[in-house]
Amino acid sequence: MKKLVLLSAFSAFLLNCNKKTEVPVPKAETDSLAIVEPVIDTLGPKSFCYMEVVGKDTTFVSIDDNLGTVTGKMYRKFFEKDQSKGTLSGIKSGDTLKLTYEFAAEGKKGNTNDIYFLQKKDAIIEGAGERDAETGTKYANENKIKYEGKGYKIADCKLVEKALK
C-alpha cells in the first residue's frame, strides 16, 4: 500500500511538473481616435451643374444647395437674340427650387424674375405658370405651376462654370 501511495504521489508530482504554464496574452488596447473612417458630409453644400440645348440656344445653370438655402448662376445664350446672365437665390422646398433670377439683359441690369425648378435625380425642370399681372415677375399661383419637358440635364461643372464667367 505504501508503494501505491508513493507511486501516486510521484505521478501527480510529475504531471504537475510537465504542465506548461500559460501566460495570458495581453490584448492590444486600440485607440478609438486612431481608427480613421471615411467621413461622408451630408450637411455641407451640394453643387450641381445643368445645361439645356434647344436648337442653337443654350442655357447653363449652376446650383449650390446649403441646407435648403440655394444660390447659383444662370446664363441663357440665345442665337441671334439678347442673352441674359445673372444670379439665382432662394430656397429648396421639398424637391422644388424656388428661386429669384436677378439678371442683365438687353443692356439693362437689375431685372428680376421668379423661376422655379423641379429637381430630379439627373435634371431640373423649369416651371411654367401664369405671372402676376401687377409685377409680371412673380407667379400668380404657385400651385398651378406646371413642370413639363425633359429639363436641363446634369452637366460637367467645369464646362458650365467656364460659360458662366
C-alpha atoms as a PDB file:
ATOM      1  CA  MET A   1       0.000   0.000   0.000  1.00  0.00           C
ATOM      2  CA  LYS A   2       2.888   2.323   0.772  1.00  0.00           C
ATOM      3  CA  LYS A   3       4.220   1.720  -2.666  1.00  0.00           C
ATOM      4  CA  LEU A   4       0.883   2.588  -4.208  1.00  0.00           C
ATOM      5  CA  VAL A   5       0.611   5.879  -2.304  1.00  0.00           C
ATOM      6  CA  LEU A   6       4.216   6.782  -3.129  1.00  0.00           C
ATOM      7  CA  LEU A   7       3.718   5.888  -6.757  1.00  0.00           C
ATOM      8  CA  SER A   8       0.518   8.002  -6.939  1.00  0.00           C
ATOM      9  CA  ALA A   9       2.181  10.993  -5.267  1.00  0.00           C
ATOM     10  CA  PHE A  10       5.195  10.694  -7.561  1.00  0.00           C
ATOM     11  CA  SER A  11       2.907  10.506 -10.646  1.00  0.00           C
ATOM     12  CA  ALA A  12       0.970  13.564  -9.531  1.00  0.00           C
ATOM     13  CA  PHE A  13       4.252  15.401  -8.979  1.00  0.00           C
ATOM     14  CA  LEU A  14       5.493  14.507 -12.484  1.00  0.00           C
ATOM     15  CA  LEU A  15       2.214  15.530 -14.080  1.00  0.00           C
ATOM     16  CA  ASN A  16       2.363  18.934 -12.415  1.00  0.00           C
ATOM     17  CA  CYS A  17       5.997  19.438 -13.432  1.00  0.00           C
ATOM     18  CA  ASN A  18       5.289  18.751 -17.111  1.00  0.00           C
ATOM     19  CA  LYS A  19       2.378  21.165 -17.247  1.00  0.00           C
ATOM     20  CA  LYS A  20       3.122  24.273 -19.253  1.00  0.00           C
ATOM     21  CA  THR A  21       2.330  27.446 -17.524  1.00  0.00           C
ATOM     22  CA  GLU A  22       0.031  29.507 -19.745  1.00  0.00           C
ATOM     23  CA  VAL A  23       0.567  33.196 -19.516  1.00  0.00           C
ATOM     24  CA  PRO A  24      -2.457  35.183 -20.695  1.00  0.00           C
ATOM     25  CA  VAL A  25      -1.610  37.268 -23.744  1.00  0.00           C
ATOM     26  CA  PRO A  26      -2.440  40.903 -23.059  1.00  0.00           C
ATOM     27  CA  LYS A  27      -4.939  42.375 -25.513  1.00  0.00           C
ATOM     28  CA  ALA A  28      -3.675  45.287 -27.505  1.00  0.00           C
ATOM     29  CA  GLU A  29      -5.525  48.402 -26.499  1.00  0.00           C
ATOM     30  CA  THR A  30      -6.979  50.175 -29.505  1.00  0.00           C
ATOM     31  CA  ASP A  31      -7.191  53.892 -29.501  1.00  0.00           C
ATOM     32  CA  SER A  32     -10.643  54.801 -30.784  1.00  0.00           C
ATOM     33  CA  LEU A  33      -9.258  58.066 -32.113  1.00  0.00           C
ATOM     34  CA  ALA A  34      -6.639  56.252 -34.166  1.00  0.00           C
ATOM     35  CA  ILE A  35      -9.262  54.491 -36.292  1.00  0.00           C
ATOM     36  CA  VAL A  36      -9.930  56.630 -39.334  1.00  0.00           C
ATOM     37  CA  GLU A  37     -13.114  56.024 -41.244  1.00  0.00           C
ATOM     38  CA  PRO A  38     -14.206  57.954 -44.310  1.00  0.00           C
ATOM     39  CA  VAL A  39     -16.435  60.853 -43.443  1.00  0.00           C
ATOM     40  CA  ILE A  40     -19.473  61.468 -45.605  1.00  0.00           C
ATOM     41  CA  ASP A  41     -20.506  65.084 -45.424  1.00  0.00           C
ATOM     42  CA  THR A  42     -24.277  65.185 -45.544  1.00  0.00           C
ATOM     43  CA  LEU A  43     -24.602  68.677 -44.143  1.00  0.00           C
ATOM     44  CA  GLY A  44     -22.203  70.646 -46.328  1.00  0.00           C
ATOM     45  CA  PRO A  45     -23.111  72.484 -49.501  1.00  0.00           C
ATOM     46  CA  LYS A  46     -24.037  70.458 -52.562  1.00  0.00           C
ATOM     47  CA  SER A  47     -23.148  71.764 -56.018  1.00  0.00           C
ATOM     48  CA  PHE A  48     -24.927  70.810 -59.223  1.00  0.00           C
ATOM     49  CA  CYS A  49     -24.471  71.955 -62.805  1.00  0.00           C
ATOM     50  CA  TYR A  50     -27.020  71.712 -65.596  1.00  0.00           C
ATOM     51  CA  MET A  51     -27.240  72.514 -69.279  1.00  0.00           C
ATOM     52  CA  GLU A  52     -30.022  72.610 -71.846  1.00  0.00           C
ATOM     53  CA  VAL A  53     -29.544  72.873 -75.606  1.00  0.00           C
ATOM     54  CA  VAL A  54     -32.517  73.632 -77.840  1.00  0.00           C
ATOM     55  CA  GLY A  55     -31.508  74.194 -81.449  1.00  0.00           C
ATOM     56  CA  LYS A  56     -28.806  76.875 -81.304  1.00  0.00           C
ATOM     57  CA  ASP A  57     -29.893  78.164 -77.867  1.00  0.00           C
ATOM     58  CA  THR A  58     -28.085  77.005 -74.728  1.00  0.00           C
ATOM     59  CA  THR A  59     -28.838  77.576 -71.050  1.00  0.00           C
ATOM     60  CA  PHE A  60     -26.229  76.968 -68.340  1.00  0.00           C
ATOM     61  CA  VAL A  61     -27.164  76.682 -64.652  1.00  0.00           C
ATOM     62  CA  SER A  62     -25.036  76.136 -61.542  1.00  0.00           C
ATOM     63  CA  ILE A  63     -26.744  75.473 -58.210  1.00  0.00           C
ATOM     64  CA  ASP A  64     -25.258  75.420 -54.702  1.00  0.00           C
ATOM     65  CA  ASP A  65     -27.587  73.972 -52.057  1.00  0.00           C
ATOM     66  CA  ASN A  66     -26.503  74.690 -48.486  1.00  0.00           C
ATOM     67  CA  LEU A  67     -29.092  73.061 -46.210  1.00  0.00           C
ATOM     68  CA  GLY A  68     -32.003  74.398 -48.244  1.00  0.00           C
ATOM     69  CA  THR A  69     -30.578  77.843 -48.955  1.00  0.00           C
ATOM     70  CA  VAL A  70     -29.913  77.876 -52.676  1.00  0.00           C
ATOM     71  CA  THR A  71     -27.608  80.157 -54.665  1.00  0.00           C
ATOM     72  CA  GLY A  72     -26.271  79.889 -58.155  1.00  0.00           C
ATOM     73  CA  LYS A  73     -25.813  81.387 -61.591  1.00  0.00           C
ATOM     74  CA  MET A  74     -27.656  81.137 -64.876  1.00  0.00           C
ATOM     75  CA  TYR A  75     -26.764  82.121 -68.422  1.00  0.00           C
ATOM     76  CA  ARG A  76     -29.264  81.983 -71.264  1.00  0.00           C
ATOM     77  CA  LYS A  77     -27.290  82.131 -74.502  1.00  0.00           C
ATOM     78  CA  PHE A  78     -29.733  82.664 -77.351  1.00  0.00           C
ATOM     79  CA  PHE A  79     -28.805  82.526 -81.035  1.00  0.00           C
ATOM     80  CA  GLU A  80     -29.340  85.927 -82.690  1.00  0.00           C
ATOM     81  CA  LYS A  81     -31.279  87.239 -79.649  1.00  0.00           C
ATOM     82  CA  ASP A  82     -30.383  89.099 -76.485  1.00  0.00           C
ATOM     83  CA  GLN A  83     -28.831  86.950 -73.843  1.00  0.00           C
ATOM     84  CA  SER A  84     -29.407  87.037 -70.099  1.00  0.00           C
ATOM     85  CA  LYS A  85     -26.862  86.334 -67.403  1.00  0.00           C
ATOM     86  CA  GLY A  86     -27.257  86.602 -63.656  1.00  0.00           C
ATOM     87  CA  THR A  87     -27.534  85.075 -60.207  1.00  0.00           C
ATOM     88  CA  LEU A  88     -30.031  82.742 -58.592  1.00  0.00           C
ATOM     89  CA  SER A  89     -31.029  82.841 -54.938  1.00  0.00           C
ATOM     90  CA  GLY A  90     -33.810  81.291 -52.924  1.00  0.00           C
ATOM     91  CA  ILE A  91     -34.816  78.157 -51.073  1.00  0.00           C
ATOM     92  CA  LYS A  92     -35.388  74.473 -51.613  1.00  0.00           C
ATOM     93  CA  SER A  93     -38.852  73.299 -50.619  1.00  0.00           C
ATOM     94  CA  GLY A  94     -39.088  69.528 -50.931  1.00  0.00           C
ATOM     95  CA  ASP A  95     -37.927  68.799 -54.475  1.00  0.00           C
ATOM     96  CA  THR A  96     -38.692  72.315 -55.741  1.00  0.00           C
ATOM     97  CA  LEU A  97     -36.133  75.096 -56.041  1.00  0.00           C
ATOM     98  CA  LYS A  98     -37.947  78.419 -55.533  1.00  0.00           C
ATOM     99  CA  LEU A  99     -35.521  80.988 -56.876  1.00  0.00           C
ATOM    100  CA  THR A 100     -35.255  84.607 -57.875  1.00  0.00           C
ATOM    101  CA  TYR A 101     -33.234  85.234 -61.012  1.00  0.00           C
ATOM    102  CA  GLU A 102     -31.513  88.630 -60.955  1.00  0.00           C
ATOM    103  CA  PHE A 103     -30.013  89.266 -64.363  1.00  0.00           C
ATOM    104  CA  ALA A 104     -28.790  91.652 -67.017  1.00  0.00           C
ATOM    105  CA  ALA A 105     -30.448  91.536 -70.440  1.00  0.00           C
ATOM    106  CA  GLU A 106     -30.754  93.849 -73.415  1.00  0.00           C
ATOM    107  CA  GLY A 107     -28.043  96.033 -71.900  1.00  0.00           C
ATOM    108  CA  LYS A 108     -30.130  96.611 -68.769  1.00  0.00           C
ATOM    109  CA  LYS A 109     -29.066  95.405 -65.309  1.00  0.00           C
ATOM    110  CA  GLY A 110     -31.287  94.793 -62.302  1.00  0.00           C
ATOM    111  CA  ASN A 111     -34.004  92.684 -63.915  1.00  0.00           C
ATOM    112  CA  THR A 112     -35.604  90.093 -61.624  1.00  0.00           C
ATOM    113  CA  ASN A 113     -37.842  87.162 -62.276  1.00  0.00           C
ATOM    114  CA  ASP A 114     -39.091  84.285 -60.141  1.00  0.00           C
ATOM    115  CA  ILE A 115     -38.029  80.954 -61.548  1.00  0.00           C
ATOM    116  CA  TYR A 116     -38.909  77.570 -60.067  1.00  0.00           C
ATOM    117  CA  PHE A 117     -37.251  74.281 -60.868  1.00  0.00           C
ATOM    118  CA  LEU A 118     -38.393  70.760 -60.046  1.00  0.00           C
ATOM    119  CA  GLN A 119     -35.211  68.898 -59.098  1.00  0.00           C
ATOM    120  CA  LYS A 120     -34.929  65.312 -60.309  1.00  0.00           C
ATOM    121  CA  LYS A 121     -32.071  62.827 -59.958  1.00  0.00           C
ATOM    122  CA  ASP A 122     -30.310  63.872 -63.168  1.00  0.00           C
ATOM    123  CA  ALA A 123     -32.139  67.029 -64.278  1.00  0.00           C
ATOM    124  CA  ILE A 124     -34.050  70.141 -63.269  1.00  0.00           C
ATOM    125  CA  ILE A 125     -37.299  71.031 -64.974  1.00  0.00           C
ATOM    126  CA  GLU A 126     -38.224  74.707 -65.221  1.00  0.00           C
ATOM    127  CA  GLY A 127     -41.725  75.565 -64.123  1.00  0.00           C
ATOM    128  CA  ALA A 128     -44.178  77.481 -66.301  1.00  0.00           C
ATOM    129  CA  GLY A 129     -47.171  79.302 -64.937  1.00  0.00           C
ATOM    130  CA  GLU A 130     -49.242  82.438 -65.076  1.00  0.00           C
ATOM    131  CA  ARG A 131     -47.435  85.562 -63.907  1.00  0.00           C
ATOM    132  CA  ASP A 132     -48.829  88.148 -61.540  1.00  0.00           C
ATOM    133  CA  ALA A 133     -50.418  90.938 -63.605  1.00  0.00           C
ATOM    134  CA  GLU A 134     -49.085  93.645 -61.300  1.00  0.00           C
ATOM    135  CA  THR A 135     -45.394  92.712 -61.303  1.00  0.00           C
ATOM    136  CA  GLY A 136     -45.083  90.346 -64.237  1.00  0.00           C
ATOM    137  CA  THR A 137     -42.108  88.746 -62.481  1.00  0.00           C
ATOM    138  CA  LYS A 138     -43.767  86.617 -59.787  1.00  0.00           C
ATOM    139  CA  TYR A 139     -46.025  83.613 -60.223  1.00  0.00           C
ATOM    140  CA  ALA A 140     -49.732  84.330 -59.734  1.00  0.00           C
ATOM    141  CA  ASN A 141     -50.384  80.921 -58.138  1.00  0.00           C
ATOM    142  CA  GLU A 142     -47.586  78.545 -57.123  1.00  0.00           C
ATOM    143  CA  ASN A 143     -49.988  75.582 -57.106  1.00  0.00           C
ATOM    144  CA  LYS A 144     -50.706  75.983 -60.827  1.00  0.00           C
ATOM    145  CA  ILE A 145     -47.080  75.884 -61.996  1.00  0.00           C
ATOM    146  CA  LYS A 146     -46.504  73.079 -64.500  1.00  0.00           C
ATOM    147  CA  TYR A 147     -43.214  71.230 -64.833  1.00  0.00           C
ATOM    148  CA  GLU A 148     -43.061  69.671 -68.286  1.00  0.00           C
ATOM    149  CA  GLY A 149     -40.384  68.591 -70.710  1.00  0.00           C
ATOM    150  CA  LYS A 150     -37.018  66.924 -70.357  1.00  0.00           C
ATOM    151  CA  GLY A 151     -35.462  69.805 -68.480  1.00  0.00           C
ATOM    152  CA  TYR A 152     -31.849  70.797 -68.026  1.00  0.00           C
ATOM    153  CA  LYS A 153     -29.586  67.757 -67.802  1.00  0.00           C
ATOM    154  CA  ILE A 154     -26.691  67.295 -65.382  1.00  0.00           C
ATOM    155  CA  ALA A 155     -23.532  68.670 -66.996  1.00  0.00           C
ATOM    156  CA  ASP A 156     -19.817  68.876 -66.322  1.00  0.00           C
ATOM    157  CA  CYS A 157     -19.328  71.731 -63.848  1.00  0.00           C
ATOM    158  CA  LYS A 158     -16.038  72.793 -65.478  1.00  0.00           C
ATOM    159  CA  LEU A 159     -17.843  73.391 -68.769  1.00  0.00           C
ATOM    160  CA  VAL A 160     -20.744  75.207 -67.096  1.00  0.00           C
ATOM    161  CA  GLU A 161     -18.504  77.379 -64.901  1.00  0.00           C
ATOM    162  CA  LYS A 162     -16.470  78.371 -67.958  1.00  0.00           C
ATOM    163  CA  ALA A 163     -19.649  79.556 -69.716  1.00  0.00           C
ATOM    164  CA  LEU A 164     -20.861  81.391 -66.607  1.00  0.00           C
ATOM    165  CA  LYS A 165     -17.709  83.535 -66.283  1.00  0.00           C
END
